[in-house]
Amino acid sequence: MVKTFVKAAAAASVAVLALTACGSTRDNAAPQPGGGQGGTVGATVPLLTSPFWQAYNNYVPQKASAEGVQVLPTVNANSDPTKLITDMNNLLNQGVKGLVVTPLDSAAVVAGLEQAQRKGVPVVAVDVAPEGGKVAIVVRADNKAYGVKACEHIASKVPEGKVVQIMGDLASVNGRERSEAFRECMKKYPKVQVLEVPAEWKADKAAAGLEGLLTSNPDVKAIYMQAGGVYLAPTMQALQRKNMFFPVGDPKHVVLVSNDGIPQELEAIRKGELDATVSQPADDYARYGMHYIKRAMAGETFKPGPTDHGSTIVETRPGILEDQLAAPLVTRDNVDDKALWGNQL
């Protein structure tokens, strides 16, 4: 991975600021520290054991450079919410003027956000929304739509029978929203029985939970994996051990749908091993994380409405704005689309 300090010329900075999205205002009355003058940005990643977050981590310096943002090397929280708070405090003590953070625990991250607010440092949250605290904006996709898209695709293939969802960490709003949306959507299909494996975004928990579930439920017909980057390999291995792994189109095939959009998932779709995935925009997470932190450090604030990059800023609850980026469902029909970030690596 290439990690570097990126210094842009003043002219480039002005040019980037001119290309702002809709749904923002410039707050001249109370600019953030360093308003209009930039400053160093600190960025965190939640873990590096997932190909998705490895890709995001690699995109951060690239997109920072494109946006004219000086960013420190990313800090890996290593799946530990407490370490993330420590990392945020360390970055603040280094004098960063902005933070781009991916929360692990939506409640626990509030302590770090409050510390940033006390120091007058704006924060952009990426992928996961906090339950409180102050952020300039959240850059993420509609995670409820992830669960719904997975549900509807599975239901189109499996009108009745047992369906498993391997859940993410329920301490994260992402895990809760995907789980609840999938569960609620499946109520429209009364002949489908939903079984659940709590896995906390951890491959070993997914493997152990699914192994036990398949032992007692060998008639499972579909599996929804909320994070293909960490769940795809253990899921396929568990099915192989149970002699339940058959290609798409085989009458014995267990329908598999995931979330992430990593190259490994796209290849699995091409091979007929995976039915579909929802492509989370790892590239745009990094791009718009840097885009918004630059504007926040310049004293801009944001408001609900359409953006100039095909998304919409929504107020999900009082004081929390989200730029909900597009996350398309990928199947055999569109897996070779060059616009998918997983096809650009």
Protein backbone atom coordinates (compact mmCIF):
# COMPACT_ATOMS: atom_id res chain seq x y z
CA MET A 1 0.00 0.00 0.00
CA VAL A 2 1.24 3.45 -0.81
CA LYS A 3 0.79 5.96 2.01
CA THR A 4 2.08 9.48 1.50
CA PHE A 5 1.61 13.10 2.35
CA VAL A 6 -0.10 14.85 -0.55
CA LYS A 7 0.50 18.55 -1.14
CA ALA A 8 -1.56 20.33 -3.79
CA ALA A 9 -0.91 23.71 -5.31
CA ALA A 10 -3.20 26.54 -4.26
CA ALA A 11 -4.67 26.76 -7.73
CA ALA A 12 -5.67 23.11 -7.63
CA SER A 13 -7.32 23.62 -4.25
CA VAL A 14 -9.39 26.51 -5.61
CA ALA A 15 -10.39 24.44 -8.63
CA VAL A 16 -11.56 21.54 -6.50
CA LEU A 17 -13.57 23.84 -4.21
CA ALA A 18 -15.30 25.25 -7.27
CA LEU A 19 -16.57 21.80 -8.15
CA THR A 20 -18.83 21.50 -5.11
CA ALA A 21 -21.94 19.40 -4.88
CA CYS A 22 -25.43 20.76 -4.43
CA GLY A 23 -26.91 20.70 -0.95
CA SER A 24 -24.33 22.92 0.80
CA THR A 25 -23.88 26.43 2.10
CA ARG A 26 -20.78 28.38 3.08
CA ASP A 27 -20.88 29.33 6.75
CA ASN A 28 -18.92 32.59 6.78
CA ALA A 29 -20.13 33.55 10.25
CA ALA A 30 -18.50 30.64 12.06
CA PRO A 31 -15.87 28.88 9.94
CA GLN A 32 -14.06 25.83 11.25
CA PRO A 33 -10.42 26.25 12.32
CA GLY A 34 -8.23 26.55 9.24
CA GLY A 35 -11.25 27.69 7.22
CA GLY A 36 -10.15 28.38 3.69
CA GLN A 37 -6.58 27.41 4.47
CA GLY A 38 -6.80 23.62 4.41
CA GLY A 39 -4.73 21.62 6.86
CA THR A 40 -3.73 18.05 7.49
CA VAL A 41 -6.46 15.39 7.59
CA GLY A 42 -6.36 12.20 9.66
CA ALA A 43 -8.16 9.13 8.33
CA THR A 44 -9.04 5.81 9.95
CA VAL A 45 -10.03 2.43 8.58
CA PRO A 46 -12.04 -0.05 10.68
CA LEU A 47 -10.06 -3.17 9.71
CA LEU A 48 -7.76 -4.50 7.03
CA THR A 49 -8.77 -8.16 7.05
CA SER A 50 -11.46 -7.50 4.42
CA PRO A 51 -10.63 -6.95 0.75
CA PHE A 52 -13.25 -4.18 0.72
CA TRP A 53 -11.44 -2.17 3.39
CA GLN A 54 -8.09 -2.94 1.83
CA ALA A 55 -9.41 -1.37 -1.36
CA TYR A 56 -10.78 1.66 0.51
CA ASN A 57 -7.46 2.05 2.31
CA ASN A 58 -5.63 2.16 -1.02
CA TYR A 59 -8.12 4.64 -2.45
CA VAL A 60 -7.69 7.15 0.41
CA PRO A 61 -4.32 8.67 -0.66
CA GLN A 62 -5.36 8.56 -4.33
CA LYS A 63 -8.63 10.41 -3.78
CA ALA A 64 -7.03 12.82 -1.30
CA SER A 65 -4.50 13.75 -3.97
CA ALA A 66 -7.26 14.26 -6.53
CA GLU A 67 -9.15 16.51 -4.10
CA GLY A 68 -6.06 18.49 -3.11
CA VAL A 69 -6.15 17.24 0.49
CA GLN A 70 -3.06 16.64 2.62
CA VAL A 71 -3.76 13.35 4.43
CA LEU A 72 -1.72 11.43 6.97
CA PRO A 73 -1.20 7.68 6.52
CA THR A 74 -4.40 5.88 7.52
CA VAL A 75 -4.72 4.36 10.98
CA ASN A 76 -6.18 0.86 11.33
CA ALA A 77 -8.59 0.38 14.25
CA ASN A 78 -8.25 -3.39 13.80
CA SER A 79 -11.93 -4.11 14.60
CA ASP A 80 -11.56 -2.52 18.06
CA PRO A 81 -13.95 0.38 18.88
CA THR A 82 -11.79 1.39 21.86
CA LYS A 83 -8.68 1.57 19.68
CA LEU A 84 -10.58 3.76 17.22
CA ILE A 85 -11.25 6.33 19.96
CA THR A 86 -7.56 6.22 20.94
CA ASP A 87 -6.58 6.65 17.29
CA MET A 88 -8.88 9.65 16.93
CA ASN A 89 -7.42 11.27 20.04
CA ASN A 90 -3.87 10.62 18.85
CA LEU A 91 -4.63 12.24 15.50
CA LEU A 92 -6.21 15.23 17.23
CA ASN A 93 -3.12 15.57 19.42
CA GLN A 94 -1.02 15.63 16.26
CA GLY A 95 -2.90 18.76 15.24
CA VAL A 96 -5.01 17.50 12.33
CA LYS A 97 -7.57 20.00 11.07
CA GLY A 98 -10.06 17.37 9.92
CA LEU A 99 -10.93 13.71 10.47
CA VAL A 100 -12.41 11.13 8.10
CA VAL A 101 -13.53 8.25 10.30
CA THR A 102 -15.30 4.92 9.82
CA PRO A 103 -17.02 4.06 13.12
CA LEU A 104 -17.01 0.45 14.29
CA ASP A 105 -19.58 0.94 17.05
CA SER A 106 -22.14 3.64 16.29
CA ALA A 107 -22.54 4.51 19.97
CA ALA A 108 -18.93 4.18 21.13
CA VAL A 109 -17.60 6.55 18.47
CA VAL A 110 -19.54 9.42 20.06
CA ALA A 111 -16.74 9.90 22.64
CA GLY A 112 -14.25 10.53 19.84
CA LEU A 113 -16.63 12.89 18.03
CA GLU A 114 -17.13 14.92 21.20
CA GLN A 115 -13.37 15.25 21.63
CA ALA A 116 -13.06 16.47 18.04
CA GLN A 117 -15.84 18.98 18.59
CA ARG A 118 -14.13 20.33 21.70
CA LYS A 119 -11.02 20.94 19.61
CA GLY A 120 -13.01 22.51 16.79
CA VAL A 121 -12.04 19.80 14.30
CA PRO A 122 -14.72 18.78 11.76
CA VAL A 123 -15.38 15.09 11.16
CA VAL A 124 -16.77 13.23 8.15
CA ALA A 125 -18.02 9.73 8.89
CA VAL A 126 -17.68 7.12 6.15
CA ASP A 127 -19.85 4.00 5.71
CA VAL A 128 -21.26 3.98 9.26
CA ALA A 129 -23.40 6.65 10.86
CA PRO A 130 -22.86 7.55 14.53
CA GLU A 131 -25.72 7.46 17.00
CA GLY A 132 -24.84 10.89 18.35
CA GLY A 133 -22.13 13.50 18.40
CA LYS A 134 -21.42 16.02 15.67
CA VAL A 135 -20.33 15.18 12.14
CA ALA A 136 -20.22 17.46 9.13
CA ILE A 137 -21.82 14.69 7.03
CA VAL A 138 -21.94 10.91 6.68
CA VAL A 139 -20.82 9.38 3.38
CA ARG A 140 -22.47 6.01 2.94
CA ALA A 141 -24.98 4.10 0.87
CA ASP A 142 -28.53 3.24 1.93
CA ASN A 143 -27.89 0.12 4.00
CA LYS A 144 -31.58 -0.67 4.31
CA ALA A 145 -31.62 -0.93 0.52
CA TYR A 146 -28.82 -3.53 0.77
CA GLY A 147 -31.08 -5.80 2.81
CA VAL A 148 -34.06 -5.21 0.55
CA LYS A 149 -32.13 -5.86 -2.66
CA ALA A 150 -30.73 -9.11 -1.24
CA CYS A 151 -34.17 -10.17 -0.04
CA GLU A 152 -35.89 -9.50 -3.34
CA HIS A 153 -33.22 -11.26 -5.39
CA ILE A 154 -33.32 -14.32 -3.15
CA ALA A 155 -37.13 -14.36 -3.14
CA SER A 156 -37.14 -14.32 -6.93
CA LYS A 157 -35.13 -17.58 -6.83
CA VAL A 158 -36.46 -19.16 -3.63
CA PRO A 159 -40.23 -18.69 -3.17
CA GLU A 160 -40.29 -20.98 -0.13
CA GLY A 161 -37.94 -22.74 2.27
CA LYS A 162 -35.16 -21.82 4.67
CA VAL A 163 -33.01 -18.76 4.06
CA VAL A 164 -30.02 -17.68 6.16
CA GLN A 165 -28.71 -14.20 6.73
CA ILE A 166 -25.18 -13.93 8.10
CA MET A 167 -25.36 -10.64 9.95
CA GLY A 168 -22.82 -7.95 10.59
CA ASP A 169 -22.07 -6.37 13.94
CA LEU A 170 -25.34 -5.22 15.50
CA ALA A 171 -23.43 -2.55 17.44
CA SER A 172 -23.05 -0.90 14.03
CA VAL A 173 -26.00 0.86 12.42
CA ASN A 174 -25.02 -0.90 9.17
CA GLY A 175 -25.45 -4.35 10.68
CA ARG A 176 -28.77 -3.37 12.23
CA GLU A 177 -30.17 -1.73 9.12
CA ARG A 178 -29.24 -4.58 6.78
CA SER A 179 -30.59 -7.19 9.20
CA GLU A 180 -33.84 -5.39 9.92
CA ALA A 181 -34.48 -4.53 6.27
CA PHE A 182 -33.86 -8.11 5.12
CA ARG A 183 -36.05 -9.50 7.89
CA GLU A 184 -38.86 -7.03 7.21
CA CYS A 185 -38.75 -7.57 3.44
CA MET A 186 -38.92 -11.34 3.87
CA LYS A 187 -42.24 -10.96 5.71
CA LYS A 188 -43.75 -10.40 2.27
CA TYR A 189 -42.89 -14.02 1.50
CA PRO A 190 -44.64 -16.07 4.20
CA LYS A 191 -43.39 -19.40 2.85
CA VAL A 192 -39.78 -18.36 3.49
CA GLN A 193 -38.26 -19.02 6.92
CA VAL A 194 -35.37 -16.74 7.90
CA LEU A 195 -32.54 -18.16 10.02
CA GLU A 196 -29.79 -15.90 11.35
CA VAL A 197 -26.09 -16.11 12.15
CA PRO A 198 -24.66 -13.18 14.19
CA ALA A 199 -21.07 -12.82 12.98
CA GLU A 200 -19.86 -9.29 13.90
CA TRP A 201 -18.05 -8.85 10.55
CA LYS A 202 -15.73 -11.72 11.56
CA ALA A 203 -14.96 -14.66 9.28
CA ASP A 204 -14.42 -17.16 12.10
CA LYS A 205 -17.78 -16.35 13.69
CA ALA A 206 -19.49 -16.66 10.31
CA ALA A 207 -17.83 -20.04 9.68
CA ALA A 208 -18.67 -21.49 13.09
CA GLY A 209 -22.22 -20.20 13.12
CA LEU A 210 -23.02 -21.33 9.59
CA GLU A 211 -21.43 -24.75 10.13
CA GLY A 212 -23.68 -25.44 13.10
CA LEU A 213 -26.75 -24.09 11.37
CA LEU A 214 -26.22 -26.21 8.24
CA THR A 215 -25.77 -29.31 10.39
CA SER A 216 -29.24 -28.89 11.85
CA ASN A 217 -30.76 -27.41 8.67
CA PRO A 218 -29.37 -29.28 5.65
CA ASP A 219 -32.34 -28.05 3.59
CA VAL A 220 -31.22 -24.39 3.52
CA LYS A 221 -31.93 -22.89 0.11
CA ALA A 222 -30.26 -19.49 0.21
CA ILE A 223 -27.74 -17.44 2.18
CA TYR A 224 -27.44 -13.66 2.43
CA MET A 225 -23.95 -12.51 3.47
CA GLN A 226 -23.90 -8.94 4.74
CA ALA A 227 -20.17 -8.62 4.00
CA GLY A 228 -18.82 -10.66 1.13
CA GLY A 229 -15.29 -9.55 1.85
CA VAL A 230 -15.18 -11.53 5.09
CA TYR A 231 -18.08 -13.99 4.69
CA LEU A 232 -17.83 -15.28 1.11
CA ALA A 233 -14.85 -17.62 1.57
CA PRO A 234 -16.03 -19.24 4.85
CA THR A 235 -19.55 -19.62 3.44
CA MET A 236 -18.35 -21.39 0.31
CA GLN A 237 -16.06 -23.60 2.40
CA ALA A 238 -18.87 -24.54 4.78
CA LEU A 239 -21.13 -25.48 1.87
CA GLN A 240 -18.34 -27.57 0.33
CA ARG A 241 -17.78 -29.43 3.60
CA LYS A 242 -21.50 -30.21 3.77
CA ASN A 243 -21.57 -31.30 0.12
CA MET A 244 -24.01 -28.45 -0.58
CA PHE A 245 -21.89 -26.38 -2.97
CA PHE A 246 -23.30 -26.53 -6.50
CA PRO A 247 -23.09 -24.00 -9.34
CA VAL A 248 -25.80 -21.52 -10.27
CA GLY A 249 -28.37 -23.32 -12.40
CA ASP A 250 -27.96 -26.69 -10.70
CA PRO A 251 -31.19 -27.81 -8.98
CA LYS A 252 -29.18 -28.31 -5.76
CA HIS A 253 -27.61 -24.83 -5.86
CA VAL A 254 -27.88 -22.79 -2.66
CA VAL A 255 -28.57 -19.21 -3.74
CA LEU A 256 -25.85 -16.85 -2.48
CA VAL A 257 -26.16 -13.06 -2.30
CA SER A 258 -23.64 -10.76 -0.64
CA ASN A 259 -22.65 -7.12 -0.10
CA ASP A 260 -19.37 -5.39 -1.02
CA GLY A 261 -18.61 -5.56 -4.75
CA ILE A 262 -14.99 -6.67 -4.36
CA PRO A 263 -13.18 -8.28 -7.33
CA GLN A 264 -13.41 -11.71 -5.67
CA GLU A 265 -17.20 -11.49 -5.62
CA LEU A 266 -17.37 -10.36 -9.23
CA GLU A 267 -15.20 -13.30 -10.25
CA ALA A 268 -17.39 -15.67 -8.24
CA ILE A 269 -20.42 -14.35 -10.13
CA ARG A 270 -18.66 -14.98 -13.45
CA LYS A 271 -17.83 -18.53 -12.35
CA GLY A 272 -21.43 -19.24 -11.38
CA GLU A 273 -20.58 -19.62 -7.69
CA LEU A 274 -22.28 -16.44 -6.43
CA ASP A 275 -25.67 -15.22 -7.61
CA ALA A 276 -25.38 -11.51 -6.81
CA THR A 277 -23.76 -8.83 -4.70
CA VAL A 278 -24.56 -5.24 -3.83
CA SER A 279 -21.57 -3.11 -4.80
CA GLN A 280 -20.58 -0.71 -2.03
CA PRO A 281 -18.68 2.21 -3.58
CA ALA A 282 -15.23 1.87 -1.94
CA ASP A 283 -13.79 4.38 -4.39
CA ASP A 284 -16.49 6.98 -3.82
CA TYR A 285 -16.37 6.47 -0.06
CA ALA A 286 -12.77 7.69 -0.20
CA ARG A 287 -13.42 10.32 -2.85
CA TYR A 288 -16.36 12.00 -1.16
CA GLY A 289 -14.94 11.54 2.31
CA MET A 290 -12.03 13.74 1.21
CA HIS A 291 -14.31 16.01 -0.83
CA TYR A 292 -16.52 16.82 2.14
CA ILE A 293 -13.79 17.14 4.78
CA LYS A 294 -12.02 19.70 2.61
CA ARG A 295 -15.20 21.74 2.38
CA ALA A 296 -15.97 21.33 6.09
CA MET A 297 -12.48 22.59 7.01
CA ALA A 298 -13.19 25.62 4.79
CA GLY A 299 -16.25 26.40 6.92
CA GLU A 300 -18.97 24.99 4.67
CA THR A 301 -22.06 23.31 6.02
CA PHE A 302 -24.45 21.02 4.16
CA LYS A 303 -28.17 20.59 3.75
CA PRO A 304 -30.56 17.98 2.32
CA GLY A 305 -31.03 17.80 -1.41
CA PRO A 306 -29.67 16.32 -4.62
CA THR A 307 -25.93 16.44 -5.30
CA ASP A 308 -24.09 16.93 -8.56
CA HIS A 309 -22.83 13.33 -8.46
CA GLY A 310 -26.12 11.45 -8.74
CA SER A 311 -26.88 10.98 -5.06
CA THR A 312 -29.06 12.68 -2.47
CA ILE A 313 -28.21 14.18 0.90
CA VAL A 314 -30.86 13.20 3.42
CA GLU A 315 -31.37 14.04 7.09
CA THR A 316 -31.75 10.61 8.67
CA ARG A 317 -32.36 12.11 12.11
CA PRO A 318 -32.00 15.60 13.57
CA GLY A 319 -28.49 16.88 12.93
CA ILE A 320 -27.28 13.84 10.97
CA LEU A 321 -26.95 14.30 7.22
CA GLU A 322 -26.02 11.48 4.85
CA ASP A 323 -24.89 11.59 1.27
CA GLN A 324 -26.40 8.29 0.20
CA LEU A 325 -24.28 7.09 -2.71
CA ALA A 326 -25.48 4.59 -5.30
CA ALA A 327 -24.90 0.90 -4.60
CA PRO A 328 -26.08 -1.24 -7.54
CA LEU A 329 -27.05 -4.90 -7.46
CA VAL A 330 -24.54 -6.89 -9.52
CA THR A 331 -25.58 -10.12 -11.25
CA ARG A 332 -24.36 -12.13 -14.21
CA ASP A 333 -26.12 -9.58 -16.43
CA ASN A 334 -23.98 -6.60 -15.44
CA VAL A 335 -20.91 -8.10 -13.76
CA ASP A 336 -18.60 -6.94 -16.55
CA ASP A 337 -19.73 -3.31 -16.32
CA LYS A 338 -16.52 -1.26 -16.38
CA ALA A 339 -18.15 1.37 -14.16
CA LEU A 340 -18.07 -1.01 -11.19
CA TRP A 341 -15.10 -0.15 -8.95
CA GLY A 342 -14.35 -3.85 -8.53
CA ASN A 343 -13.61 -4.02 -12.26
CA GLN A 344 -11.22 -1.05 -12.14
CA LEU A 345 -8.57 -2.38 -9.75
